[in-house]
N, C-alpha and C. Protein backbone atom coordinates (compact mmCIF):
# COMPACT_ATOMS: atom_id res chain seq x y z
N UNK A 1 0.84 -1.20 0.00
CA UNK A 1 0.00 0.00 0.00
C UNK A 1 0.88 1.25 0.00
N UNK A 2 0.52 2.24 -0.78
CA UNK A 2 1.34 3.44 -0.91
C UNK A 2 0.82 4.52 0.05
N UNK A 3 1.72 5.05 0.86
CA UNK A 3 1.36 6.08 1.82
C UNK A 3 2.00 7.41 1.43
N UNK A 4 1.25 8.48 1.64
CA UNK A 4 1.81 9.81 1.42
C UNK A 4 2.62 10.21 2.64
N UNK A 5 3.78 10.80 2.43
CA UNK A 5 4.61 11.25 3.54
C UNK A 5 4.42 12.73 3.84
N UNK A 6 3.57 13.39 3.08
CA UNK A 6 3.31 14.81 3.29
C UNK A 6 1.82 15.02 3.58
N UNK A 7 1.51 16.06 4.34
CA UNK A 7 0.09 16.33 4.62
C UNK A 7 -0.69 16.56 3.33
N UNK A 8 -1.89 16.01 3.29
CA UNK A 8 -2.77 16.23 2.15
C UNK A 8 -4.09 16.80 2.67
N UNK A 9 -3.99 17.90 3.43
CA UNK A 9 -5.15 18.46 4.12
C UNK A 9 -6.28 18.79 3.17
N UNK A 10 -5.94 19.39 2.06
CA UNK A 10 -6.98 19.91 1.18
C UNK A 10 -7.87 18.80 0.63
N UNK A 11 -7.34 17.59 0.51
CA UNK A 11 -8.15 16.49 -0.01
C UNK A 11 -9.40 16.30 0.84
N UNK A 12 -9.24 16.24 2.15
CA UNK A 12 -10.37 15.97 3.03
C UNK A 12 -11.36 17.13 3.06
N UNK A 13 -10.86 18.34 3.13
CA UNK A 13 -11.76 19.48 3.18
C UNK A 13 -12.51 19.64 1.85
N UNK A 14 -11.83 19.32 0.76
CA UNK A 14 -12.50 19.35 -0.54
C UNK A 14 -13.61 18.30 -0.60
N UNK A 15 -13.34 17.11 -0.06
CA UNK A 15 -14.35 16.06 -0.05
C UNK A 15 -15.53 16.42 0.85
N UNK A 16 -15.25 17.05 2.00
CA UNK A 16 -16.34 17.50 2.86
C UNK A 16 -17.23 18.50 2.12
N UNK A 17 -16.59 19.42 1.39
CA UNK A 17 -17.34 20.43 0.63
C UNK A 17 -18.19 19.76 -0.46
N UNK A 18 -17.60 18.81 -1.14
CA UNK A 18 -18.35 18.07 -2.17
C UNK A 18 -19.55 17.37 -1.56
N UNK A 19 -19.33 16.74 -0.42
CA UNK A 19 -20.39 15.97 0.21
C UNK A 19 -21.52 16.86 0.69
N UNK A 20 -21.19 17.97 1.34
CA UNK A 20 -22.24 18.86 1.85
C UNK A 20 -23.02 19.49 0.70
N UNK A 21 -22.31 19.83 -0.39
CA UNK A 21 -23.00 20.39 -1.56
C UNK A 21 -23.95 19.35 -2.16
N UNK A 22 -23.52 18.10 -2.17
CA UNK A 22 -24.36 17.02 -2.69
C UNK A 22 -25.59 16.80 -1.81
N UNK A 23 -25.38 16.87 -0.50
CA UNK A 23 -26.50 16.76 0.44
C UNK A 23 -27.50 17.90 0.21
N UNK A 24 -26.97 19.10 0.04
CA UNK A 24 -27.82 20.26 -0.20
C UNK A 24 -28.64 20.09 -1.47
N UNK A 25 -28.01 19.60 -2.52
CA UNK A 25 -28.71 19.39 -3.78
C UNK A 25 -29.81 18.33 -3.62
N UNK A 26 -29.50 17.25 -2.92
CA UNK A 26 -30.50 16.20 -2.70
C UNK A 26 -31.65 16.71 -1.85
N UNK A 27 -31.33 17.53 -0.85
CA UNK A 27 -32.38 18.09 0.01
C UNK A 27 -33.32 18.99 -0.79
N UNK A 28 -32.75 19.78 -1.67
CA UNK A 28 -33.59 20.65 -2.50
C UNK A 28 -34.45 19.83 -3.46
N UNK A 29 -33.89 18.74 -3.99
CA UNK A 29 -34.67 17.86 -4.86
C UNK A 29 -35.80 17.20 -4.08
N UNK A 30 -35.52 16.83 -2.83
CA UNK A 30 -36.56 16.25 -1.97
C UNK A 30 -37.69 17.25 -1.75
N UNK A 31 -37.33 18.49 -1.44
CA UNK A 31 -38.35 19.51 -1.21
C UNK A 31 -39.18 19.74 -2.47
N UNK A 32 -38.52 19.75 -3.62
CA UNK A 32 -39.25 19.91 -4.86
C UNK A 32 -40.23 18.74 -5.07
N UNK A 33 -39.78 17.54 -4.74
CA UNK A 33 -40.66 16.38 -4.84
C UNK A 33 -41.89 16.56 -3.97
N UNK A 34 -41.70 17.01 -2.74
CA UNK A 34 -42.81 17.14 -1.80
C UNK A 34 -43.73 18.31 -2.15
N UNK A 35 -43.17 19.38 -2.69
CA UNK A 35 -43.97 20.56 -2.97
C UNK A 35 -44.59 20.54 -4.37
N UNK A 36 -43.97 19.81 -5.28
CA UNK A 36 -44.46 19.71 -6.66
C UNK A 36 -44.52 18.23 -7.03
N UNK A 37 -45.57 17.58 -6.57
CA UNK A 37 -45.66 16.12 -6.64
C UNK A 37 -46.10 15.67 -8.03
N UNK A 38 -45.17 15.77 -8.97
CA UNK A 38 -45.41 15.35 -10.34
C UNK A 38 -44.10 14.79 -10.89
N UNK A 39 -44.20 13.98 -11.95
CA UNK A 39 -42.99 13.31 -12.46
C UNK A 39 -42.22 12.66 -11.32
N UNK A 40 -42.97 12.00 -10.46
CA UNK A 40 -42.42 11.50 -9.20
C UNK A 40 -41.28 10.51 -9.42
N UNK A 41 -41.46 9.55 -10.31
CA UNK A 41 -40.43 8.54 -10.50
C UNK A 41 -39.13 9.16 -11.02
N UNK A 42 -39.25 10.15 -11.91
CA UNK A 42 -38.06 10.81 -12.44
C UNK A 42 -37.34 11.59 -11.35
N UNK A 43 -38.10 12.25 -10.51
CA UNK A 43 -37.49 13.03 -9.42
C UNK A 43 -36.80 12.11 -8.41
N UNK A 44 -37.45 11.01 -8.10
CA UNK A 44 -36.85 10.06 -7.16
C UNK A 44 -35.58 9.45 -7.76
N UNK A 45 -35.60 9.18 -9.06
CA UNK A 45 -34.41 8.64 -9.73
C UNK A 45 -33.24 9.62 -9.65
N UNK A 46 -33.53 10.90 -9.76
CA UNK A 46 -32.47 11.91 -9.66
C UNK A 46 -31.89 11.95 -8.25
N UNK A 47 -32.75 11.83 -7.25
CA UNK A 47 -32.26 11.78 -5.87
C UNK A 47 -31.39 10.54 -5.66
N UNK A 48 -31.80 9.43 -6.26
CA UNK A 48 -31.00 8.20 -6.18
C UNK A 48 -29.63 8.42 -6.82
N UNK A 49 -29.60 9.14 -7.93
CA UNK A 49 -28.31 9.43 -8.58
C UNK A 49 -27.41 10.22 -7.64
N UNK A 50 -27.97 11.18 -6.94
CA UNK A 50 -27.18 11.98 -6.00
C UNK A 50 -26.71 11.13 -4.82
N UNK A 51 -27.54 10.18 -4.40
CA UNK A 51 -27.12 9.27 -3.34
C UNK A 51 -25.92 8.45 -3.78
N UNK A 52 -25.90 8.05 -5.05
CA UNK A 52 -24.77 7.30 -5.58
C UNK A 52 -23.52 8.17 -5.68
N UNK A 53 -23.71 9.46 -5.97
CA UNK A 53 -22.59 10.41 -5.94
C UNK A 53 -22.01 10.45 -4.52
N UNK A 54 -22.90 10.46 -3.53
CA UNK A 54 -22.46 10.46 -2.14
C UNK A 54 -21.65 9.21 -1.81
N UNK A 55 -22.07 8.07 -2.34
CA UNK A 55 -21.32 6.83 -2.12
C UNK A 55 -19.90 6.95 -2.68
N UNK A 56 -19.80 7.59 -3.85
CA UNK A 56 -18.48 7.78 -4.46
C UNK A 56 -17.60 8.69 -3.61
N UNK A 57 -18.20 9.73 -3.04
CA UNK A 57 -17.43 10.67 -2.23
C UNK A 57 -16.90 9.98 -0.98
N UNK A 58 -17.74 9.21 -0.31
CA UNK A 58 -17.25 8.57 0.92
C UNK A 58 -16.22 7.49 0.59
N UNK A 59 -16.35 6.84 -0.55
CA UNK A 59 -15.33 5.87 -0.96
C UNK A 59 -13.99 6.57 -1.15
N UNK A 60 -14.01 7.74 -1.79
CA UNK A 60 -12.76 8.48 -1.98
C UNK A 60 -12.20 8.98 -0.65
N UNK A 61 -13.10 9.28 0.28
CA UNK A 61 -12.63 9.72 1.61
C UNK A 61 -11.89 8.59 2.32
N UNK A 62 -12.47 7.39 2.30
CA UNK A 62 -11.82 6.25 2.95
C UNK A 62 -10.50 5.91 2.27
N UNK A 63 -10.47 6.02 0.95
CA UNK A 63 -9.23 5.76 0.22
C UNK A 63 -8.15 6.76 0.62
N UNK A 64 -8.53 8.02 0.75
CA UNK A 64 -7.57 9.05 1.15
C UNK A 64 -7.09 8.83 2.58
N UNK A 65 -7.98 8.38 3.45
CA UNK A 65 -7.56 8.09 4.83
C UNK A 65 -6.53 6.97 4.88
N UNK A 66 -6.72 5.96 4.04
CA UNK A 66 -5.80 4.83 4.03
C UNK A 66 -4.44 5.20 3.47
N UNK A 67 -4.38 6.20 2.60
CA UNK A 67 -3.14 6.50 1.90
C UNK A 67 -2.50 7.81 2.36
N UNK A 68 -3.06 8.42 3.40
CA UNK A 68 -2.51 9.69 3.91
C UNK A 68 -1.89 9.45 5.28
N UNK A 69 -0.62 9.80 5.41
CA UNK A 69 0.09 9.56 6.68
C UNK A 69 -0.32 10.58 7.73
N UNK A 70 -0.32 11.86 7.35
CA UNK A 70 -0.73 12.93 8.25
C UNK A 70 -2.12 13.42 7.84
N UNK A 71 -2.99 13.62 8.80
CA UNK A 71 -4.33 14.15 8.52
C UNK A 71 -4.55 15.43 9.30
N UNK A 72 -5.32 16.37 8.76
CA UNK A 72 -5.51 17.67 9.40
C UNK A 72 -6.37 17.61 10.65
N UNK A 73 -7.25 16.60 10.73
CA UNK A 73 -8.09 16.37 11.90
C UNK A 73 -7.88 14.93 12.34
N UNK A 74 -8.39 14.58 13.51
CA UNK A 74 -8.30 13.20 13.95
C UNK A 74 -8.94 12.28 12.91
N UNK A 75 -8.32 11.15 12.68
CA UNK A 75 -8.85 10.21 11.69
C UNK A 75 -10.29 9.82 12.00
N UNK A 76 -10.57 9.58 13.28
CA UNK A 76 -11.93 9.18 13.66
C UNK A 76 -12.93 10.28 13.31
N UNK A 77 -12.55 11.53 13.54
CA UNK A 77 -13.46 12.64 13.24
C UNK A 77 -13.69 12.77 11.73
N UNK A 78 -12.64 12.59 10.96
CA UNK A 78 -12.78 12.64 9.50
C UNK A 78 -13.73 11.54 9.03
N UNK A 79 -13.50 10.32 9.53
CA UNK A 79 -14.35 9.20 9.14
C UNK A 79 -15.80 9.39 9.56
N UNK A 80 -16.00 9.84 10.81
CA UNK A 80 -17.36 10.03 11.31
C UNK A 80 -18.10 11.13 10.54
N UNK A 81 -17.40 12.23 10.28
CA UNK A 81 -18.03 13.34 9.56
C UNK A 81 -18.43 12.89 8.16
N UNK A 82 -17.54 12.18 7.49
CA UNK A 82 -17.84 11.67 6.15
C UNK A 82 -19.03 10.71 6.18
N UNK A 83 -19.05 9.82 7.17
CA UNK A 83 -20.13 8.85 7.29
C UNK A 83 -21.48 9.53 7.54
N UNK A 84 -21.48 10.50 8.45
CA UNK A 84 -22.75 11.14 8.80
C UNK A 84 -23.29 11.97 7.65
N UNK A 85 -22.41 12.63 6.90
CA UNK A 85 -22.87 13.35 5.71
C UNK A 85 -23.51 12.37 4.73
N UNK A 86 -22.89 11.22 4.58
CA UNK A 86 -23.44 10.20 3.69
C UNK A 86 -24.76 9.66 4.23
N UNK A 87 -24.85 9.53 5.55
CA UNK A 87 -26.09 9.04 6.16
C UNK A 87 -27.26 9.98 5.89
N UNK A 88 -26.99 11.29 5.90
CA UNK A 88 -28.06 12.26 5.64
C UNK A 88 -28.66 12.02 4.27
N UNK A 89 -27.81 11.89 3.27
CA UNK A 89 -28.33 11.71 1.91
C UNK A 89 -28.96 10.33 1.74
N UNK A 90 -28.48 9.33 2.48
CA UNK A 90 -29.11 8.01 2.44
C UNK A 90 -30.55 8.10 2.94
N UNK A 91 -30.77 8.83 4.03
CA UNK A 91 -32.12 8.98 4.58
C UNK A 91 -33.02 9.76 3.63
N UNK A 92 -32.47 10.79 3.00
CA UNK A 92 -33.23 11.55 2.02
C UNK A 92 -33.68 10.63 0.88
N UNK A 93 -32.75 9.82 0.38
CA UNK A 93 -33.07 8.93 -0.73
C UNK A 93 -34.11 7.90 -0.33
N UNK A 94 -34.00 7.35 0.88
CA UNK A 94 -34.98 6.35 1.31
C UNK A 94 -36.36 6.95 1.45
N UNK A 95 -36.46 8.14 2.03
CA UNK A 95 -37.75 8.80 2.16
C UNK A 95 -38.39 9.02 0.80
N UNK A 96 -37.58 9.50 -0.15
CA UNK A 96 -38.09 9.74 -1.50
C UNK A 96 -38.51 8.43 -2.16
N UNK A 97 -37.70 7.40 -2.01
CA UNK A 97 -38.01 6.11 -2.63
C UNK A 97 -39.30 5.51 -2.08
N UNK A 98 -39.54 5.68 -0.78
CA UNK A 98 -40.76 5.16 -0.19
C UNK A 98 -42.01 5.79 -0.81
N UNK A 99 -41.88 7.05 -1.23
CA UNK A 99 -43.03 7.73 -1.84
C UNK A 99 -43.49 6.98 -3.09
N UNK A 100 -42.53 6.40 -3.82
CA UNK A 100 -42.84 5.62 -5.02
C UNK A 100 -43.23 4.20 -4.65
N UNK A 101 -42.42 3.56 -3.83
CA UNK A 101 -42.64 2.15 -3.52
C UNK A 101 -43.97 1.92 -2.80
N UNK A 102 -44.37 2.88 -1.94
CA UNK A 102 -45.61 2.73 -1.20
C UNK A 102 -46.81 3.34 -1.93
N UNK A 103 -46.54 3.84 -3.16
CA UNK A 103 -47.61 4.43 -3.98
C UNK A 103 -48.40 5.48 -3.20
N UNK A 104 -47.67 6.37 -2.58
CA UNK A 104 -48.31 7.43 -1.81
C UNK A 104 -48.92 8.45 -2.76
N UNK A 105 -50.19 8.75 -2.54
CA UNK A 105 -50.94 9.59 -3.48
C UNK A 105 -50.46 11.03 -3.48
N UNK A 106 -50.20 11.58 -2.32
CA UNK A 106 -49.72 12.95 -2.24
C UNK A 106 -49.03 13.18 -0.90
N UNK A 107 -48.07 14.10 -0.85
CA UNK A 107 -47.36 14.39 0.40
C UNK A 107 -48.27 15.09 1.39
N UNK A 108 -47.96 14.94 2.66
CA UNK A 108 -48.65 15.69 3.71
C UNK A 108 -47.93 17.02 3.93
N UNK A 109 -48.60 17.94 4.60
CA UNK A 109 -47.94 19.20 4.93
C UNK A 109 -46.77 18.96 5.86
N UNK A 110 -46.88 17.97 6.74
CA UNK A 110 -45.77 17.66 7.64
C UNK A 110 -44.55 17.18 6.88
N UNK A 111 -44.76 16.39 5.82
CA UNK A 111 -43.63 15.94 4.99
C UNK A 111 -42.97 17.12 4.32
N UNK A 112 -43.77 18.06 3.86
CA UNK A 112 -43.19 19.26 3.24
C UNK A 112 -42.42 20.08 4.27
N UNK A 113 -42.99 20.19 5.47
CA UNK A 113 -42.31 20.98 6.51
C UNK A 113 -41.00 20.32 6.92
N UNK A 114 -40.99 19.01 7.06
CA UNK A 114 -39.75 18.32 7.40
C UNK A 114 -38.72 18.47 6.29
N UNK A 115 -39.16 18.46 5.05
CA UNK A 115 -38.24 18.65 3.93
C UNK A 115 -37.63 20.04 3.94
N UNK A 116 -38.42 21.03 4.32
CA UNK A 116 -37.88 22.40 4.43
C UNK A 116 -36.81 22.47 5.52
N UNK A 117 -37.05 21.78 6.63
CA UNK A 117 -36.07 21.77 7.72
C UNK A 117 -34.78 21.09 7.25
N UNK A 118 -34.92 20.01 6.49
CA UNK A 118 -33.73 19.31 5.98
C UNK A 118 -32.94 20.20 5.04
N UNK A 119 -33.63 20.98 4.22
CA UNK A 119 -32.92 21.93 3.34
C UNK A 119 -32.15 22.94 4.18
N UNK A 120 -32.77 23.45 5.22
CA UNK A 120 -32.08 24.41 6.10
C UNK A 120 -30.88 23.77 6.77
N UNK A 121 -31.04 22.53 7.20
CA UNK A 121 -29.90 21.80 7.79
C UNK A 121 -28.76 21.69 6.78
N UNK A 122 -29.10 21.36 5.54
CA UNK A 122 -28.07 21.17 4.52
C UNK A 122 -27.35 22.48 4.22
N UNK A 123 -28.05 23.59 4.32
CA UNK A 123 -27.40 24.89 4.12
C UNK A 123 -26.42 25.18 5.24
N UNK A 124 -26.79 24.80 6.47
CA UNK A 124 -25.88 24.97 7.61
C UNK A 124 -24.65 24.08 7.44
N UNK A 125 -24.86 22.87 6.95
CA UNK A 125 -23.73 21.97 6.70
C UNK A 125 -22.79 22.56 5.67
N UNK A 126 -23.34 23.19 4.65
CA UNK A 126 -22.50 23.87 3.65
C UNK A 126 -21.66 24.95 4.30
N UNK A 127 -22.28 25.73 5.17
CA UNK A 127 -21.54 26.80 5.87
C UNK A 127 -20.44 26.20 6.74
N UNK A 128 -20.75 25.09 7.40
CA UNK A 128 -19.77 24.47 8.30
C UNK A 128 -18.58 23.93 7.54
N UNK A 129 -18.81 23.27 6.41
CA UNK A 129 -17.69 22.74 5.64
C UNK A 129 -16.86 23.86 5.01
N UNK A 130 -17.50 25.00 4.77
CA UNK A 130 -16.74 26.15 4.27
C UNK A 130 -15.81 26.68 5.35
N UNK A 131 -16.29 26.73 6.60
CA UNK A 131 -15.43 27.15 7.71
C UNK A 131 -14.26 26.19 7.86
N UNK A 132 -14.54 24.90 7.75
CA UNK A 132 -13.46 23.91 7.86
C UNK A 132 -12.43 24.09 6.75
N UNK A 133 -12.91 24.34 5.54
CA UNK A 133 -11.99 24.48 4.42
C UNK A 133 -11.16 25.75 4.53
N UNK A 134 -11.78 26.84 4.95
CA UNK A 134 -11.07 28.11 5.09
C UNK A 134 -10.55 28.23 6.51
N UNK A 135 -9.57 27.45 6.85
CA UNK A 135 -9.11 27.36 8.22
C UNK A 135 -8.37 28.60 8.69
N UNK A 136 -8.29 29.62 7.81
CA UNK A 136 -7.74 30.90 8.26
C UNK A 136 -8.70 31.54 9.25
N UNK A 137 -9.99 31.18 9.12
CA UNK A 137 -10.98 31.67 10.07
C UNK A 137 -10.87 30.88 11.37
N UNK A 138 -11.40 31.45 12.44
CA UNK A 138 -11.39 30.77 13.72
C UNK A 138 -12.39 29.62 13.69
N UNK A 139 -11.98 28.43 14.10
CA UNK A 139 -12.89 27.29 14.10
C UNK A 139 -14.07 27.48 15.05
N UNK A 140 -13.96 28.44 15.96
CA UNK A 140 -15.08 28.72 16.86
C UNK A 140 -16.32 29.19 16.09
N UNK A 141 -16.11 29.57 14.81
CA UNK A 141 -17.26 29.95 13.97
C UNK A 141 -18.17 28.75 13.72
N UNK A 142 -17.67 27.56 14.01
CA UNK A 142 -18.51 26.37 13.88
C UNK A 142 -19.55 26.28 14.99
N UNK A 143 -19.31 26.92 16.12
CA UNK A 143 -20.18 26.74 17.28
C UNK A 143 -21.61 27.23 17.05
N UNK A 144 -21.83 28.44 16.50
CA UNK A 144 -23.22 28.84 16.23
C UNK A 144 -23.89 27.96 15.19
N UNK A 145 -23.11 27.42 14.27
CA UNK A 145 -23.68 26.51 13.28
C UNK A 145 -24.09 25.20 13.95
N UNK A 146 -23.26 24.76 14.89
CA UNK A 146 -23.60 23.56 15.66
C UNK A 146 -24.90 23.77 16.43
N UNK A 147 -25.03 24.95 17.05
CA UNK A 147 -26.25 25.26 17.80
C UNK A 147 -27.47 25.29 16.89
N UNK A 148 -27.31 25.82 15.70
CA UNK A 148 -28.42 25.91 14.75
C UNK A 148 -28.86 24.51 14.31
N UNK A 149 -27.92 23.61 14.11
CA UNK A 149 -28.29 22.24 13.76
C UNK A 149 -29.08 21.58 14.88
N UNK A 150 -28.69 21.84 16.13
CA UNK A 150 -29.46 21.31 17.26
C UNK A 150 -30.88 21.86 17.25
N UNK A 151 -31.01 23.16 17.01
CA UNK A 151 -32.33 23.79 16.99
C UNK A 151 -33.20 23.20 15.89
N UNK A 152 -32.63 23.03 14.71
CA UNK A 152 -33.39 22.48 13.59
C UNK A 152 -33.80 21.04 13.86
N UNK A 153 -32.93 20.27 14.51
CA UNK A 153 -33.29 18.89 14.84
C UNK A 153 -34.45 18.85 15.82
N UNK A 154 -34.45 19.77 16.78
CA UNK A 154 -35.57 19.86 17.72
C UNK A 154 -36.86 20.21 17.01
N UNK A 155 -36.78 21.12 16.04
CA UNK A 155 -37.96 21.47 15.24
C UNK A 155 -38.48 20.25 14.49
N UNK A 156 -37.56 19.48 13.92
CA UNK A 156 -37.96 18.28 13.18
C UNK A 156 -38.64 17.28 14.10
N UNK A 157 -38.13 17.13 15.33
CA UNK A 157 -38.76 16.23 16.29
C UNK A 157 -40.19 16.65 16.59
N UNK A 158 -40.40 17.95 16.76
CA UNK A 158 -41.74 18.46 17.07
C UNK A 158 -42.70 18.24 15.91
N UNK A 159 -42.21 18.50 14.69
CA UNK A 159 -43.05 18.29 13.51
C UNK A 159 -43.41 16.81 13.37
N UNK A 160 -42.42 15.94 13.59
CA UNK A 160 -42.66 14.50 13.46
C UNK A 160 -43.66 14.02 14.50
N UNK A 161 -43.52 14.50 15.73
CA UNK A 161 -44.44 14.10 16.79
C UNK A 161 -45.87 14.51 16.46
N UNK A 162 -46.03 15.74 15.99
CA UNK A 162 -47.35 16.22 15.59
C UNK A 162 -47.89 15.43 14.41
N UNK A 163 -47.02 15.14 13.45
CA UNK A 163 -47.44 14.40 12.25
C UNK A 163 -47.93 13.00 12.62
N UNK A 164 -47.21 12.33 13.53
CA UNK A 164 -47.62 10.99 13.92
C UNK A 164 -48.97 11.02 14.63
N UNK A 165 -49.20 12.02 15.46
CA UNK A 165 -50.49 12.14 16.14
C UNK A 165 -51.62 12.33 15.13
N UNK A 166 -51.35 13.14 14.10
CA UNK A 166 -52.37 13.39 13.08
C UNK A 166 -52.67 12.12 12.28
N UNK A 167 -51.67 11.28 12.08
CA UNK A 167 -51.89 10.04 11.35
C UNK A 167 -52.95 9.18 12.03
N UNK A 168 -52.86 9.08 13.34
CA UNK A 168 -53.77 8.22 14.08
C UNK A 168 -55.17 8.82 14.16
N UNK A 169 -55.28 10.11 13.84
CA UNK A 169 -56.58 10.76 13.89
C UNK A 169 -57.39 10.53 12.62
N UNK A 170 -56.72 10.58 11.47
CA UNK A 170 -57.51 10.58 10.24
C UNK A 170 -56.94 9.75 9.10
N UNK A 171 -56.12 8.73 9.41
CA UNK A 171 -55.60 7.87 8.36
C UNK A 171 -55.92 6.41 8.69
N UNK A 172 -56.03 5.61 7.63
CA UNK A 172 -56.27 4.18 7.84
C UNK A 172 -54.96 3.50 8.25
N UNK A 173 -55.09 2.27 8.69
CA UNK A 173 -53.93 1.55 9.24
C UNK A 173 -52.78 1.44 8.24
N UNK A 174 -53.11 1.13 6.99
CA UNK A 174 -52.04 0.93 6.00
C UNK A 174 -51.31 2.24 5.71
N UNK A 175 -52.05 3.36 5.68
CA UNK A 175 -51.40 4.66 5.47
C UNK A 175 -50.54 5.05 6.66
N UNK A 176 -50.98 4.68 7.85
CA UNK A 176 -50.18 4.95 9.05
C UNK A 176 -48.82 4.26 8.93
N UNK A 177 -48.85 2.99 8.48
CA UNK A 177 -47.60 2.23 8.33
C UNK A 177 -46.69 2.88 7.29
N UNK A 178 -47.28 3.28 6.16
CA UNK A 178 -46.50 3.90 5.09
C UNK A 178 -45.85 5.20 5.57
N UNK A 179 -46.67 6.07 6.15
CA UNK A 179 -46.15 7.38 6.54
C UNK A 179 -45.19 7.30 7.73
N UNK A 180 -45.39 6.30 8.59
CA UNK A 180 -44.45 6.12 9.70
C UNK A 180 -43.04 5.88 9.16
N UNK A 181 -42.93 5.12 8.07
CA UNK A 181 -41.63 4.86 7.47
C UNK A 181 -41.05 6.12 6.82
N UNK A 182 -41.89 6.86 6.11
CA UNK A 182 -41.41 8.09 5.46
C UNK A 182 -40.96 9.09 6.51
N UNK A 183 -41.83 9.34 7.51
CA UNK A 183 -41.48 10.30 8.56
C UNK A 183 -40.21 9.85 9.30
N UNK A 184 -40.08 8.54 9.49
CA UNK A 184 -38.90 8.03 10.18
C UNK A 184 -37.61 8.39 9.47
N UNK A 185 -37.61 8.28 8.14
CA UNK A 185 -36.41 8.63 7.38
C UNK A 185 -36.17 10.13 7.34
N UNK A 186 -37.23 10.91 7.24
CA UNK A 186 -37.07 12.36 7.26
C UNK A 186 -36.51 12.83 8.60
N UNK A 187 -37.04 12.26 9.67
CA UNK A 187 -36.52 12.61 11.00
C UNK A 187 -35.08 12.13 11.15
N UNK A 188 -34.77 10.96 10.59
CA UNK A 188 -33.41 10.43 10.68
C UNK A 188 -32.41 11.37 10.01
N UNK A 189 -32.82 11.96 8.89
CA UNK A 189 -31.92 12.91 8.21
C UNK A 189 -31.55 14.05 9.14
N UNK A 190 -32.53 14.58 9.87
CA UNK A 190 -32.24 15.68 10.80
C UNK A 190 -31.44 15.18 12.00
N UNK A 191 -31.70 13.96 12.43
CA UNK A 191 -30.93 13.38 13.54
C UNK A 191 -29.46 13.26 13.18
N UNK A 192 -29.19 12.83 11.95
CA UNK A 192 -27.80 12.71 11.51
C UNK A 192 -27.13 14.07 11.46
N UNK A 193 -27.89 15.09 11.09
CA UNK A 193 -27.33 16.45 11.09
C UNK A 193 -26.95 16.87 12.50
N UNK A 194 -27.77 16.50 13.48
CA UNK A 194 -27.43 16.82 14.87
C UNK A 194 -26.17 16.07 15.30
N UNK A 195 -26.02 14.83 14.85
CA UNK A 195 -24.80 14.10 15.16
C UNK A 195 -23.58 14.78 14.55
N UNK A 196 -23.75 15.36 13.38
CA UNK A 196 -22.66 16.14 12.77
C UNK A 196 -22.34 17.34 13.66
N UNK A 197 -23.36 17.94 14.25
CA UNK A 197 -23.13 19.08 15.15
C UNK A 197 -22.23 18.68 16.31
N UNK A 198 -22.44 17.49 16.85
CA UNK A 198 -21.61 17.00 17.95
C UNK A 198 -20.16 16.81 17.49
N UNK A 199 -19.99 16.27 16.29
CA UNK A 199 -18.64 16.08 15.74
C UNK A 199 -17.95 17.43 15.57
N UNK A 200 -18.69 18.42 15.05
CA UNK A 200 -18.11 19.75 14.84
C UNK A 200 -17.68 20.38 16.17
N UNK A 201 -18.49 20.19 17.20
CA UNK A 201 -18.12 20.72 18.51
C UNK A 201 -16.82 20.08 19.00
N UNK A 202 -16.69 18.77 18.76
CA UNK A 202 -15.46 18.09 19.15
C UNK A 202 -14.25 18.61 18.39
N UNK A 203 -14.44 18.92 17.11
CA UNK A 203 -13.33 19.48 16.31
C UNK A 203 -12.88 20.82 16.89
N UNK A 204 -13.84 21.64 17.30
CA UNK A 204 -13.50 22.94 17.88
C UNK A 204 -12.72 22.77 19.18
N UNK A 205 -13.16 21.82 20.01
CA UNK A 205 -12.48 21.57 21.28
C UNK A 205 -11.05 21.11 21.06
N UNK A 206 -10.85 20.25 20.06
CA UNK A 206 -9.53 19.67 19.82
C UNK A 206 -8.60 20.60 19.06
N UNK A 207 -9.16 21.40 18.15
CA UNK A 207 -8.30 22.15 17.21
C UNK A 207 -8.57 23.65 17.22
N UNK A 208 -9.58 24.09 17.95
CA UNK A 208 -9.96 25.51 17.90
C UNK A 208 -8.98 26.42 18.61
């Protein structure tokens, strides 16, 4: 196996930027799916394509970790951050795919609201990876972004809780099962963003 003897910092920060931009694009495609529920299979296929782009990015991240002797952040933090960014887009893709597989007639307002929160989370992730890449700035700039991700995750929890209560009020059993799976993946996307917030806080503590 060939190892680099010199730091290759920019590789990882570039990959983080690619990944967060890809998550942002997938989140916007998800929101478009929920708000403009037409050409559904084509839209879901595009989100799947972006999920596969994410798989390629994390593969390149692991390859770089194996072949880089010095890393700009702890190896565990690099790996975890890459994994969680990939997890976000995986949840987005699963939620979108369920809309087709379960033959859901139309999105609920709660699904649209959760999708908007995920877009906002993805924008914060973009800002965070930009701070990481431009390390001339103080890493403490990550802290308000971390707090915002926590806030957005709490909002997603509240929306999901309300959505589940509404399901039991006016939906049949089979629709409850279908939407429980969709809401679960949408909430998971925001949960993964909160986990990224914890990783970012750790980076600040270690390197800030």
